[in-house]
Amino acid sequence: MAEPTSTPRITAQYLDSFAGQNVMVVGKIVQLRGDSAIMDSAGNITLNLNRESHLVNGSMAEVIGKVNPDHSIKVLTSKDLGPNVDFQLYQNVVDTTHQNKSLFICGSN
């Protein structure tokens, strides 16, 4: 039987805890540079985009990807969420899940 997997929601402050793991992050795209982007998710995160990434500068986005050793994220999937996202609500969800890991993150103690 396979181990259960999870894709925890994070912000920039949690990157170092998830190196080598898949995560979900929401934030504002503040810069696009060819095959990379900078996302502000309570701190800047460098995104290494794939061909299917169609992010919009100044817009909110949801990204699922793998955290690299340098704390950048290799994007696996992305979704443009538009400009009207309540980031404080997302931040509250992230904080709650990390304060109660045993309820939300598979394999945590």
PDB file of N, CA and C in Angstrom:
ATOM      1  N   MET A   1       0.848  -1.185   0.000  1.00  0.00           N
ATOM      2  CA  MET A   1       0.000   0.000   0.000  1.00  0.00           C
ATOM      3  C   MET A   1       0.890   1.244   0.000  1.00  0.00           C
ATOM      4  N   ALA A   2       0.540   2.207  -0.805  1.00  0.00           N
ATOM      5  CA  ALA A   2       1.337   3.433  -0.930  1.00  0.00           C
ATOM      6  C   ALA A   2       1.151   4.306   0.300  1.00  0.00           C
ATOM      7  N   GLU A   3       2.204   5.066   0.619  1.00  0.00           N
ATOM      8  CA  GLU A   3       2.141   6.035   1.708  1.00  0.00           C
ATOM      9  C   GLU A   3       1.195   7.161   1.318  1.00  0.00           C
ATOM     10  N   PRO A   4       0.383   7.659   2.260  1.00  0.00           N
ATOM     11  CA  PRO A   4      -0.453   8.812   1.923  1.00  0.00           C
ATOM     12  C   PRO A   4       0.440  10.026   1.672  1.00  0.00           C
ATOM     13  N   THR A   5       0.033  10.838   0.724  1.00  0.00           N
ATOM     14  CA  THR A   5       0.790  12.051   0.438  1.00  0.00           C
ATOM     15  C   THR A   5      -0.109  13.257   0.648  1.00  0.00           C
ATOM     16  N   SER A   6       0.512  14.382   0.895  1.00  0.00           N
ATOM     17  CA  SER A   6      -0.247  15.610   1.043  1.00  0.00           C
ATOM     18  C   SER A   6       0.484  16.712   0.295  1.00  0.00           C
ATOM     19  N   THR A   7      -0.240  17.738  -0.016  1.00  0.00           N
ATOM     20  CA  THR A   7       0.331  18.926  -0.636  1.00  0.00           C
ATOM     21  C   THR A   7      -0.022  20.076   0.281  1.00  0.00           C
ATOM     22  N   PRO A   8       0.805  20.296   1.302  1.00  0.00           N
ATOM     23  CA  PRO A   8       0.464  21.331   2.282  1.00  0.00           C
ATOM     24  C   PRO A   8       0.456  22.724   1.678  1.00  0.00           C
ATOM     25  N   ARG A   9      -0.448  23.544   2.164  1.00  0.00           N
ATOM     26  CA  ARG A   9      -0.493  24.957   1.792  1.00  0.00           C
ATOM     27  C   ARG A   9       0.574  25.673   2.597  1.00  0.00           C
ATOM     28  N   ILE A  10       1.359  26.521   1.910  1.00  0.00           N
ATOM     29  CA  ILE A  10       2.410  27.259   2.596  1.00  0.00           C
ATOM     30  C   ILE A  10       2.459  28.701   2.103  1.00  0.00           C
ATOM     31  N   THR A  11       3.257  29.493   2.794  1.00  0.00           N
ATOM     32  CA  THR A  11       3.675  30.814   2.341  1.00  0.00           C
ATOM     33  C   THR A  11       5.201  30.805   2.373  1.00  0.00           C
ATOM     34  N   ALA A  12       5.818  31.895   1.988  1.00  0.00           N
ATOM     35  CA  ALA A  12       7.279  31.954   1.895  1.00  0.00           C
ATOM     36  C   ALA A  12       7.969  31.551   3.195  1.00  0.00           C
ATOM     37  N   GLN A  13       7.396  31.889   4.327  1.00  0.00           N
ATOM     38  CA  GLN A  13       8.053  31.605   5.599  1.00  0.00           C
ATOM     39  C   GLN A  13       8.209  30.116   5.879  1.00  0.00           C
ATOM     40  N   TYR A  14       7.460  29.259   5.200  1.00  0.00           N
ATOM     41  CA  TYR A  14       7.511  27.816   5.451  1.00  0.00           C
ATOM     42  C   TYR A  14       8.377  27.054   4.448  1.00  0.00           C
ATOM     43  N   LEU A  15       8.954  27.744   3.465  1.00  0.00           N
ATOM     44  CA  LEU A  15       9.710  27.065   2.406  1.00  0.00           C
ATOM     45  C   LEU A  15      10.799  26.140   2.933  1.00  0.00           C
ATOM     46  N   ASP A  16      11.584  26.602   3.900  1.00  0.00           N
ATOM     47  CA  ASP A  16      12.722  25.797   4.362  1.00  0.00           C
ATOM     48  C   ASP A  16      12.299  24.490   5.006  1.00  0.00           C
ATOM     49  N   SER A  17      11.073  24.386   5.475  1.00  0.00           N
ATOM     50  CA  SER A  17      10.587  23.152   6.094  1.00  0.00           C
ATOM     51  C   SER A  17      10.122  22.118   5.076  1.00  0.00           C
ATOM     52  N   PHE A  18      10.044  22.499   3.804  1.00  0.00           N
ATOM     53  CA  PHE A  18       9.459  21.607   2.807  1.00  0.00           C
ATOM     54  C   PHE A  18      10.370  21.349   1.603  1.00  0.00           C
ATOM     55  N   ALA A  19      11.676  21.532   1.755  1.00  0.00           N
ATOM     56  CA  ALA A  19      12.612  21.267   0.649  1.00  0.00           C
ATOM     57  C   ALA A  19      12.437  19.833   0.168  1.00  0.00           C
ATOM     58  N   GLY A  20      12.330  19.681  -1.158  1.00  0.00           N
ATOM     59  CA  GLY A  20      12.174  18.360  -1.758  1.00  0.00           C
ATOM     60  C   GLY A  20      10.754  17.836  -1.760  1.00  0.00           C
ATOM     61  N   GLN A  21       9.817  18.610  -1.254  1.00  0.00           N
ATOM     62  CA  GLN A  21       8.429  18.168  -1.171  1.00  0.00           C
ATOM     63  C   GLN A  21       7.524  19.025  -2.051  1.00  0.00           C
ATOM     64  N   ASN A  22       6.378  18.457  -2.407  1.00  0.00           N
ATOM     65  CA  ASN A  22       5.380  19.205  -3.151  1.00  0.00           C
ATOM     66  C   ASN A  22       4.550  20.043  -2.183  1.00  0.00           C
ATOM     67  N   VAL A  23       4.241  21.270  -2.600  1.00  0.00           N
ATOM     68  CA  VAL A  23       3.464  22.202  -1.791  1.00  0.00           C
ATOM     69  C   VAL A  23       2.473  22.945  -2.671  1.00  0.00           C
ATOM     70  N   MET A  24       1.531  23.611  -2.028  1.00  0.00           N
ATOM     71  CA  MET A  24       0.600  24.511  -2.707  1.00  0.00           C
ATOM     72  C   MET A  24       0.805  25.894  -2.112  1.00  0.00           C
ATOM     73  N   VAL A  25       0.882  26.901  -2.967  1.00  0.00           N
ATOM     74  CA  VAL A  25       1.095  28.271  -2.488  1.00  0.00           C
ATOM     75  C   VAL A  25       0.253  29.231  -3.316  1.00  0.00           C
ATOM     76  N   VAL A  26      -0.303  30.233  -2.633  1.00  0.00           N
ATOM     77  CA  VAL A  26      -1.073  31.290  -3.280  1.00  0.00           C
ATOM     78  C   VAL A  26      -0.355  32.604  -3.021  1.00  0.00           C
ATOM     79  N   GLY A  27      -0.285  33.438  -4.034  1.00  0.00           N
ATOM     80  CA  GLY A  27       0.338  34.745  -3.871  1.00  0.00           C
ATOM     81  C   GLY A  27       0.164  35.597  -5.110  1.00  0.00           C
ATOM     82  N   LYS A  28       0.693  36.814  -5.023  1.00  0.00           N
ATOM     83  CA  LYS A  28       0.593  37.772  -6.129  1.00  0.00           C
ATOM     84  C   LYS A  28       1.847  37.673  -6.997  1.00  0.00           C
ATOM     85  N   ILE A  29       1.653  37.579  -8.306  1.00  0.00           N
ATOM     86  CA  ILE A  29       2.778  37.558  -9.241  1.00  0.00           C
ATOM     87  C   ILE A  29       3.283  38.997  -9.368  1.00  0.00           C
ATOM     88  N   VAL A  30       4.524  39.218  -8.927  1.00  0.00           N
ATOM     89  CA  VAL A  30       5.066  40.578  -8.941  1.00  0.00           C
ATOM     90  C   VAL A  30       6.082  40.785 -10.052  1.00  0.00           C
ATOM     91  N   GLN A  31       6.569  39.690 -10.657  1.00  0.00           N
ATOM     92  CA  GLN A  31       7.518  39.834 -11.765  1.00  0.00           C
ATOM     93  C   GLN A  31       7.530  38.557 -12.594  1.00  0.00           C
ATOM     94  N   LEU A  32       7.502  38.735 -13.918  1.00  0.00           N
ATOM     95  CA  LEU A  32       7.652  37.622 -14.862  1.00  0.00           C
ATOM     96  C   LEU A  32       8.947  37.821 -15.616  1.00  0.00           C
ATOM     97  N   ARG A  33       9.774  36.753 -15.714  1.00  0.00           N
ATOM     98  CA  ARG A  33      11.066  36.833 -16.401  1.00  0.00           C
ATOM     99  C   ARG A  33      11.277  35.559 -17.212  1.00  0.00           C
ATOM    100  N   GLY A  34      10.722  35.494 -18.392  1.00  0.00           N
ATOM    101  CA  GLY A  34      10.917  34.320 -19.241  1.00  0.00           C
ATOM    102  C   GLY A  34      10.354  33.066 -18.610  1.00  0.00           C
ATOM    103  N   ASP A  35      11.249  32.141 -18.204  1.00  0.00           N
ATOM    104  CA  ASP A  35      10.793  30.877 -17.635  1.00  0.00           C
ATOM    105  C   ASP A  35      10.782  30.897 -16.105  1.00  0.00           C
ATOM    106  N   SER A  36      10.776  32.095 -15.514  1.00  0.00           N
ATOM    107  CA  SER A  36      10.665  32.199 -14.056  1.00  0.00           C
ATOM    108  C   SER A  36       9.768  33.388 -13.700  1.00  0.00           C
ATOM    109  N   ALA A  37       9.343  33.394 -12.450  1.00  0.00           N
ATOM    110  CA  ALA A  37       8.491  34.472 -11.942  1.00  0.00           C
ATOM    111  C   ALA A  37       8.794  34.654 -10.465  1.00  0.00           C
ATOM    112  N   ILE A  38       8.435  35.827  -9.961  1.00  0.00           N
ATOM    113  CA  ILE A  38       8.519  36.095  -8.529  1.00  0.00           C
ATOM    114  C   ILE A  38       7.091  36.239  -8.020  1.00  0.00           C
ATOM    115  N   MET A  39       6.782  35.474  -6.973  1.00  0.00           N
ATOM    116  CA  MET A  39       5.472  35.517  -6.334  1.00  0.00           C
ATOM    117  C   MET A  39       5.647  36.068  -4.926  1.00  0.00           C
ATOM    118  N   ASP A  40       4.769  36.983  -4.535  1.00  0.00           N
ATOM    119  CA  ASP A  40       4.749  37.474  -3.160  1.00  0.00           C
ATOM    120  C   ASP A  40       3.683  36.701  -2.396  1.00  0.00           C
ATOM    121  N   SER A  41       4.145  35.843  -1.490  1.00  0.00           N
ATOM    122  CA  SER A  41       3.252  35.090  -0.627  1.00  0.00           C
ATOM    123  C   SER A  41       3.765  35.275   0.804  1.00  0.00           C
ATOM    124  N   ALA A  42       3.510  36.464   1.352  1.00  0.00           N
ATOM    125  CA  ALA A  42       4.069  36.859   2.660  1.00  0.00           C
ATOM    126  C   ALA A  42       5.589  36.771   2.617  1.00  0.00           C
ATOM    127  N   GLY A  43       6.156  37.149   1.490  1.00  0.00           N
ATOM    128  CA  GLY A  43       7.589  37.080   1.196  1.00  0.00           C
ATOM    129  C   GLY A  43       7.749  36.588  -0.226  1.00  0.00           C
ATOM    130  N   ASN A  44       8.861  36.917  -0.856  1.00  0.00           N
ATOM    131  CA  ASN A  44       9.049  36.555  -2.260  1.00  0.00           C
ATOM    132  C   ASN A  44       9.499  35.114  -2.428  1.00  0.00           C
ATOM    133  N   ILE A  45       8.928  34.470  -3.458  1.00  0.00           N
ATOM    134  CA  ILE A  45       9.277  33.104  -3.840  1.00  0.00           C
ATOM    135  C   ILE A  45       9.580  33.119  -5.328  1.00  0.00           C
ATOM    136  N   THR A  46      10.708  32.519  -5.717  1.00  0.00           N
ATOM    137  CA  THR A  46      11.028  32.366  -7.133  1.00  0.00           C
ATOM    138  C   THR A  46      10.341  31.113  -7.647  1.00  0.00           C
ATOM    139  N   LEU A  47       9.617  31.256  -8.746  1.00  0.00           N
ATOM    140  CA  LEU A  47       8.929  30.136  -9.395  1.00  0.00           C
ATOM    141  C   LEU A  47       9.650  29.781 -10.680  1.00  0.00           C
ATOM    142  N   ASN A  48       9.967  28.513 -10.861  1.00  0.00           N
ATOM    143  CA  ASN A  48      10.526  28.006 -12.112  1.00  0.00           C
ATOM    144  C   ASN A  48       9.352  27.455 -12.911  1.00  0.00           C
ATOM    145  N   LEU A  49       8.944  28.196 -13.938  1.00  0.00           N
ATOM    146  CA  LEU A  49       7.714  27.906 -14.671  1.00  0.00           C
ATOM    147  C   LEU A  49       7.872  26.759 -15.651  1.00  0.00           C
ATOM    148  N   ASN A  50       6.740  26.125 -15.972  1.00  0.00           N
ATOM    149  CA  ASN A  50       6.708  25.128 -17.043  1.00  0.00           C
ATOM    150  C   ASN A  50       5.969  25.721 -18.240  1.00  0.00           C
ATOM    151  N   ARG A  51       5.909  24.992 -19.330  1.00  0.00           N
ATOM    152  CA  ARG A  51       5.286  25.512 -20.556  1.00  0.00           C
ATOM    153  C   ARG A  51       3.801  25.817 -20.398  1.00  0.00           C
ATOM    154  N   GLU A  52       3.152  25.130 -19.464  1.00  0.00           N
ATOM    155  CA  GLU A  52       1.720  25.323 -19.261  1.00  0.00           C
ATOM    156  C   GLU A  52       1.412  26.478 -18.316  1.00  0.00           C
ATOM    157  N   SER A  53       2.422  27.089 -17.735  1.00  0.00           N
ATOM    158  CA  SER A  53       2.204  28.205 -16.802  1.00  0.00           C
ATOM    159  C   SER A  53       1.818  29.459 -17.575  1.00  0.00           C
ATOM    160  N   HIS A  54       0.652  29.979 -17.278  1.00  0.00           N
ATOM    161  CA  HIS A  54       0.172  31.202 -17.919  1.00  0.00           C
ATOM    162  C   HIS A  54      -0.219  32.187 -16.823  1.00  0.00           C
ATOM    163  N   LEU A  55       0.785  32.703 -16.135  1.00  0.00           N
ATOM    164  CA  LEU A  55       0.553  33.621 -15.033  1.00  0.00           C
ATOM    165  C   LEU A  55       0.517  35.056 -15.543  1.00  0.00           C
ATOM    166  N   VAL A  56      -0.151  35.926 -14.795  1.00  0.00           N
ATOM    167  CA  VAL A  56      -0.325  37.313 -15.191  1.00  0.00           C
ATOM    168  C   VAL A  56       0.303  38.206 -14.131  1.00  0.00           C
ATOM    169  N   ASN A  57       1.179  39.108 -14.570  1.00  0.00           N
ATOM    170  CA  ASN A  57       1.828  40.040 -13.655  1.00  0.00           C
ATOM    171  C   ASN A  57       0.764  40.867 -12.923  1.00  0.00           C
ATOM    172  N   GLY A  58       0.867  40.958 -11.599  1.00  0.00           N
ATOM    173  CA  GLY A  58      -0.076  41.720 -10.800  1.00  0.00           C
ATOM    174  C   GLY A  58      -1.298  40.949 -10.362  1.00  0.00           C
ATOM    175  N   SER A  59      -1.442  39.724 -10.839  1.00  0.00           N
ATOM    176  CA  SER A  59      -2.596  38.901 -10.515  1.00  0.00           C
ATOM    177  C   SER A  59      -2.229  37.874  -9.446  1.00  0.00           C
ATOM    178  N   MET A  60      -3.215  37.397  -8.732  1.00  0.00           N
ATOM    179  CA  MET A  60      -3.010  36.325  -7.763  1.00  0.00           C
ATOM    180  C   MET A  60      -2.996  34.996  -8.504  1.00  0.00           C
ATOM    181  N   ALA A  61      -2.228  34.045  -7.964  1.00  0.00           N
ATOM    182  CA  ALA A  61      -2.133  32.729  -8.590  1.00  0.00           C
ATOM    183  C   ALA A  61      -2.009  31.656  -7.517  1.00  0.00           C
ATOM    184  N   GLU A  62      -2.435  30.448  -7.887  1.00  0.00           N
ATOM    185  CA  GLU A  62      -2.230  29.270  -7.055  1.00  0.00           C
ATOM    186  C   GLU A  62      -1.253  28.369  -7.793  1.00  0.00           C
ATOM    187  N   VAL A  63      -0.224  27.913  -7.085  1.00  0.00           N
ATOM    188  CA  VAL A  63       0.807  27.079  -7.691  1.00  0.00           C
ATOM    189  C   VAL A  63       0.970  25.816  -6.867  1.00  0.00           C
ATOM    190  N   ILE A  64       1.073  24.690  -7.543  1.00  0.00           N
ATOM    191  CA  ILE A  64       1.488  23.443  -6.912  1.00  0.00           C
ATOM    192  C   ILE A  64       2.834  23.114  -7.522  1.00  0.00           C
ATOM    193  N   GLY A  65       3.807  22.859  -6.668  1.00  0.00           N
ATOM    194  CA  GLY A  65       5.138  22.570  -7.176  1.00  0.00           C
ATOM    195  C   GLY A  65       6.037  21.978  -6.115  1.00  0.00           C
ATOM    196  N   LYS A  66       7.240  21.656  -6.551  1.00  0.00           N
ATOM    197  CA  LYS A  66       8.234  21.036  -5.673  1.00  0.00           C
ATOM    198  C   LYS A  66       9.233  22.080  -5.210  1.00  0.00           C
ATOM    199  N   VAL A  67       9.483  22.121  -3.891  1.00  0.00           N
ATOM    200  CA  VAL A  67      10.429  23.076  -3.317  1.00  0.00           C
ATOM    201  C   VAL A  67      11.852  22.585  -3.569  1.00  0.00           C
ATOM    202  N   ASN A  68      12.634  23.391  -4.270  1.00  0.00           N
ATOM    203  CA  ASN A  68      14.028  23.078  -4.565  1.00  0.00           C
ATOM    204  C   ASN A  68      14.915  23.400  -3.365  1.00  0.00           C
ATOM    205  N   PRO A  69      16.146  22.858  -3.335  1.00  0.00           N
ATOM    206  CA  PRO A  69      17.063  23.155  -2.233  1.00  0.00           C
ATOM    207  C   PRO A  69      17.335  24.654  -2.042  1.00  0.00           C
ATOM    208  N   ASP A  70      17.259  25.441  -3.127  1.00  0.00           N
ATOM    209  CA  ASP A  70      17.492  26.885  -3.021  1.00  0.00           C
ATOM    210  C   ASP A  70      16.226  27.660  -2.628  1.00  0.00           C
ATOM    211  N   HIS A  71      15.170  26.923  -2.267  1.00  0.00           N
ATOM    212  CA  HIS A  71      13.876  27.466  -1.838  1.00  0.00           C
ATOM    213  C   HIS A  71      13.056  28.068  -2.966  1.00  0.00           C
ATOM    214  N   SER A  72      13.471  27.860  -4.220  1.00  0.00           N
ATOM    215  CA  SER A  72      12.595  28.198  -5.334  1.00  0.00           C
ATOM    216  C   SER A  72      11.598  27.038  -5.478  1.00  0.00           C
ATOM    217  N   ILE A  73      10.578  27.244  -6.287  1.00  0.00           N
ATOM    218  CA  ILE A  73       9.581  26.198  -6.507  1.00  0.00           C
ATOM    219  C   ILE A  73       9.527  25.853  -7.989  1.00  0.00           C
ATOM    220  N   LYS A  74       9.685  24.558  -8.292  1.00  0.00           N
ATOM    221  CA  LYS A  74       9.504  24.066  -9.660  1.00  0.00           C
ATOM    222  C   LYS A  74       8.008  23.844  -9.853  1.00  0.00           C
ATOM    223  N   VAL A  75       7.397  24.673 -10.695  1.00  0.00           N
ATOM    224  CA  VAL A  75       5.947  24.642 -10.873  1.00  0.00           C
ATOM    225  C   VAL A  75       5.529  23.375 -11.615  1.00  0.00           C
ATOM    226  N   LEU A  76       4.578  22.658 -11.021  1.00  0.00           N
ATOM    227  CA  LEU A  76       3.973  21.496 -11.670  1.00  0.00           C
ATOM    228  C   LEU A  76       2.658  21.894 -12.319  1.00  0.00           C
ATOM    229  N   THR A  77       1.840  22.647 -11.580  1.00  0.00           N
ATOM    230  CA  THR A  77       0.601  23.203 -12.125  1.00  0.00           C
ATOM    231  C   THR A  77       0.415  24.605 -11.559  1.00  0.00           C
ATOM    232  N   SER A  78      -0.283  25.434 -12.304  1.00  0.00           N
ATOM    233  CA  SER A  78      -0.569  26.785 -11.836  1.00  0.00           C
ATOM    234  C   SER A  78      -1.929  27.223 -12.348  1.00  0.00           C
ATOM    235  N   LYS A  79      -2.522  28.142 -11.594  1.00  0.00           N
ATOM    236  CA  LYS A  79      -3.833  28.659 -11.964  1.00  0.00           C
ATOM    237  C   LYS A  79      -3.877  30.142 -11.631  1.00  0.00           C
ATOM    238  N   ASP A  80      -4.251  30.954 -12.613  1.00  0.00           N
ATOM    239  CA  ASP A  80      -4.450  32.379 -12.370  1.00  0.00           C
ATOM    240  C   ASP A  80      -5.759  32.546 -11.611  1.00  0.00           C
ATOM    241  N   LEU A  81      -5.728  33.286 -10.488  1.00  0.00           N
ATOM    242  CA  LEU A  81      -6.916  33.489  -9.658  1.00  0.00           C
ATOM    243  C   LEU A  81      -7.523  34.875  -9.808  1.00  0.00           C
ATOM    244  N   GLY A  82      -6.897  35.722 -10.625  1.00  0.00           N
ATOM    245  CA  GLY A  82      -7.406  37.075 -10.799  1.00  0.00           C
ATOM    246  C   GLY A  82      -6.969  37.977  -9.653  1.00  0.00           C
ATOM    247  N   PRO A  83      -7.451  39.217  -9.648  1.00  0.00           N
ATOM    248  CA  PRO A  83      -6.977  40.192  -8.666  1.00  0.00           C
ATOM    249  C   PRO A  83      -7.723  40.175  -7.329  1.00  0.00           C
ATOM    250  N   ASN A  84      -8.875  39.537  -7.260  1.00  0.00           N
ATOM    251  CA  ASN A  84      -9.731  39.659  -6.081  1.00  0.00           C
ATOM    252  C   ASN A  84      -9.655  38.447  -5.163  1.00  0.00           C
ATOM    253  N   VAL A  85      -8.480  38.212  -4.578  1.00  0.00           N
ATOM    254  CA  VAL A  85      -8.284  37.112  -3.639  1.00  0.00           C
ATOM    255  C   VAL A  85      -7.993  37.710  -2.271  1.00  0.00           C
ATOM    256  N   ASP A  86      -8.654  37.192  -1.262  1.00  0.00           N
ATOM    257  CA  ASP A  86      -8.425  37.650   0.110  1.00  0.00           C
ATOM    258  C   ASP A  86      -7.196  36.921   0.652  1.00  0.00           C
ATOM    259  N   PHE A  87      -6.011  37.542   0.498  1.00  0.00           N
ATOM    260  CA  PHE A  87      -4.783  36.887   0.910  1.00  0.00           C
ATOM    261  C   PHE A  87      -4.752  36.673   2.425  1.00  0.00           C
ATOM    262  N   GLN A  88      -5.327  37.580   3.195  1.00  0.00           N
ATOM    263  CA  GLN A  88      -5.333  37.403   4.659  1.00  0.00           C
ATOM    264  C   GLN A  88      -6.074  36.129   5.047  1.00  0.00           C
ATOM    265  N   LEU A  89      -7.150  35.817   4.355  1.00  0.00           N
ATOM    266  CA  LEU A  89      -7.874  34.572   4.605  1.00  0.00           C
ATOM    267  C   LEU A  89      -6.973  33.373   4.302  1.00  0.00           C
ATOM    268  N   TYR A  90      -6.273  33.405   3.159  1.00  0.00           N
ATOM    269  CA  TYR A  90      -5.337  32.328   2.821  1.00  0.00           C
ATOM    270  C   TYR A  90      -4.267  32.199   3.900  1.00  0.00           C
ATOM    271  N   GLN A  91      -3.705  33.328   4.344  1.00  0.00           N
ATOM    272  CA  GLN A  91      -2.671  33.318   5.388  1.00  0.00           C
ATOM    273  C   GLN A  91      -3.211  32.674   6.663  1.00  0.00           C
ATOM    274  N   ASN A  92      -4.454  32.970   7.021  1.00  0.00           N
ATOM    275  CA  ASN A  92      -5.070  32.383   8.209  1.00  0.00           C
ATOM    276  C   ASN A  92      -5.211  30.867   8.065  1.00  0.00           C
ATOM    277  N   VAL A  93      -5.596  30.403   6.885  1.00  0.00           N
ATOM    278  CA  VAL A  93      -5.709  28.961   6.633  1.00  0.00           C
ATOM    279  C   VAL A  93      -4.338  28.295   6.770  1.00  0.00           C
ATOM    280  N   VAL A  94      -3.314  28.901   6.173  1.00  0.00           N
ATOM    281  CA  VAL A  94      -1.953  28.350   6.259  1.00  0.00           C
ATOM    282  C   VAL A  94      -1.503  28.269   7.710  1.00  0.00           C
ATOM    283  N   ASP A  95      -1.663  29.354   8.442  1.00  0.00           N
ATOM    284  CA  ASP A  95      -1.233  29.367   9.842  1.00  0.00           C
ATOM    285  C   ASP A  95      -1.969  28.311  10.658  1.00  0.00           C
ATOM    286  N   THR A  96      -3.278  28.184  10.438  1.00  0.00           N
ATOM    287  CA  THR A  96      -4.067  27.195  11.167  1.00  0.00           C
ATOM    288  C   THR A  96      -3.604  25.780  10.857  1.00  0.00           C
ATOM    289  N   THR A  97      -3.337  25.488   9.585  1.00  0.00           N
ATOM    290  CA  THR A  97      -2.904  24.132   9.242  1.00  0.00           C
ATOM    291  C   THR A  97      -1.540  23.816   9.840  1.00  0.00           C
ATOM    292  N   HIS A  98      -0.656  24.795   9.917  1.00  0.00           N
ATOM    293  CA  HIS A  98       0.672  24.526  10.466  1.00  0.00           C
ATOM    294  C   HIS A  98       0.667  24.487  11.997  1.00  0.00           C
ATOM    295  N   GLN A  99      -0.310  25.120  12.617  1.00  0.00           N
ATOM    296  CA  GLN A  99      -0.445  25.042  14.072  1.00  0.00           C
ATOM    297  C   GLN A  99      -1.114  23.739  14.497  1.00  0.00           C
ATOM    298  N   ASN A 100      -1.789  23.086  13.556  1.00  0.00           N
ATOM    299  CA  ASN A 100      -2.505  21.829  13.827  1.00  0.00           C
ATOM    300  C   ASN A 100      -2.118  20.775  12.801  1.00  0.00           C
ATOM    301  N   LYS A 101      -0.814  20.559  12.633  1.00  0.00           N
ATOM    302  CA  LYS A 101      -0.300  19.682  11.584  1.00  0.00           C
ATOM    303  C   LYS A 101      -0.915  18.295  11.598  1.00  0.00           C
ATOM    304  N   SER A 102      -1.146  17.739  12.756  1.00  0.00           N
ATOM    305  CA  SER A 102      -1.657  16.364  12.817  1.00  0.00           C
ATOM    306  C   SER A 102      -3.031  16.231  12.180  1.00  0.00           C
ATOM    307  N   LEU A 103      -3.770  17.313  12.088  1.00  0.00           N
ATOM    308  CA  LEU A 103      -5.094  17.280  11.459  1.00  0.00           C
ATOM    309  C   LEU A 103      -5.043  17.470   9.949  1.00  0.00           C
ATOM    310  N   PHE A 104      -4.001  18.180   9.459  1.00  0.00           N
ATOM    311  CA  PHE A 104      -4.004  18.602   8.071  1.00  0.00           C
ATOM    312  C   PHE A 104      -2.889  18.037   7.200  1.00  0.00           C
ATOM    313  N   ILE A 105      -1.752  17.673   7.768  1.00  0.00           N
ATOM    314  CA  ILE A 105      -0.605  17.266   6.964  1.00  0.00           C
ATOM    315  C   ILE A 105      -0.293  15.804   7.237  1.00  0.00           C
ATOM    316  N   CYS A 106      -0.455  14.964   6.201  1.00  0.00           N
ATOM    317  CA  CYS A 106      -0.182  13.533   6.343  1.00  0.00           C
ATOM    318  C   CYS A 106       1.274  13.308   6.712  1.00  0.00           C
ATOM    319  N   GLY A 107       1.495  12.383   7.617  1.00  0.00           N
ATOM    320  CA  GLY A 107       2.857  12.005   7.968  1.00  0.00           C
ATOM    321  C   GLY A 107       3.497  12.908   8.986  1.00  0.00           C
ATOM    322  N   SER A 108       2.781  13.913   9.504  1.00  0.00           N
ATOM    323  CA  SER A 108       3.389  14.802  10.504  1.00  0.00           C
ATOM    324  C   SER A 108       3.156  14.235  11.895  1.00  0.00           C
ATOM    325  N   ASN A 109       3.984  14.666  12.812  1.00  0.00           N
ATOM    326  CA  ASN A 109       3.858  14.210  14.193  1.00  0.00           C
ATOM    327  C   ASN A 109       3.258  15.279  15.057  1.00  0.00           C
TER     328      ASN A 109
END
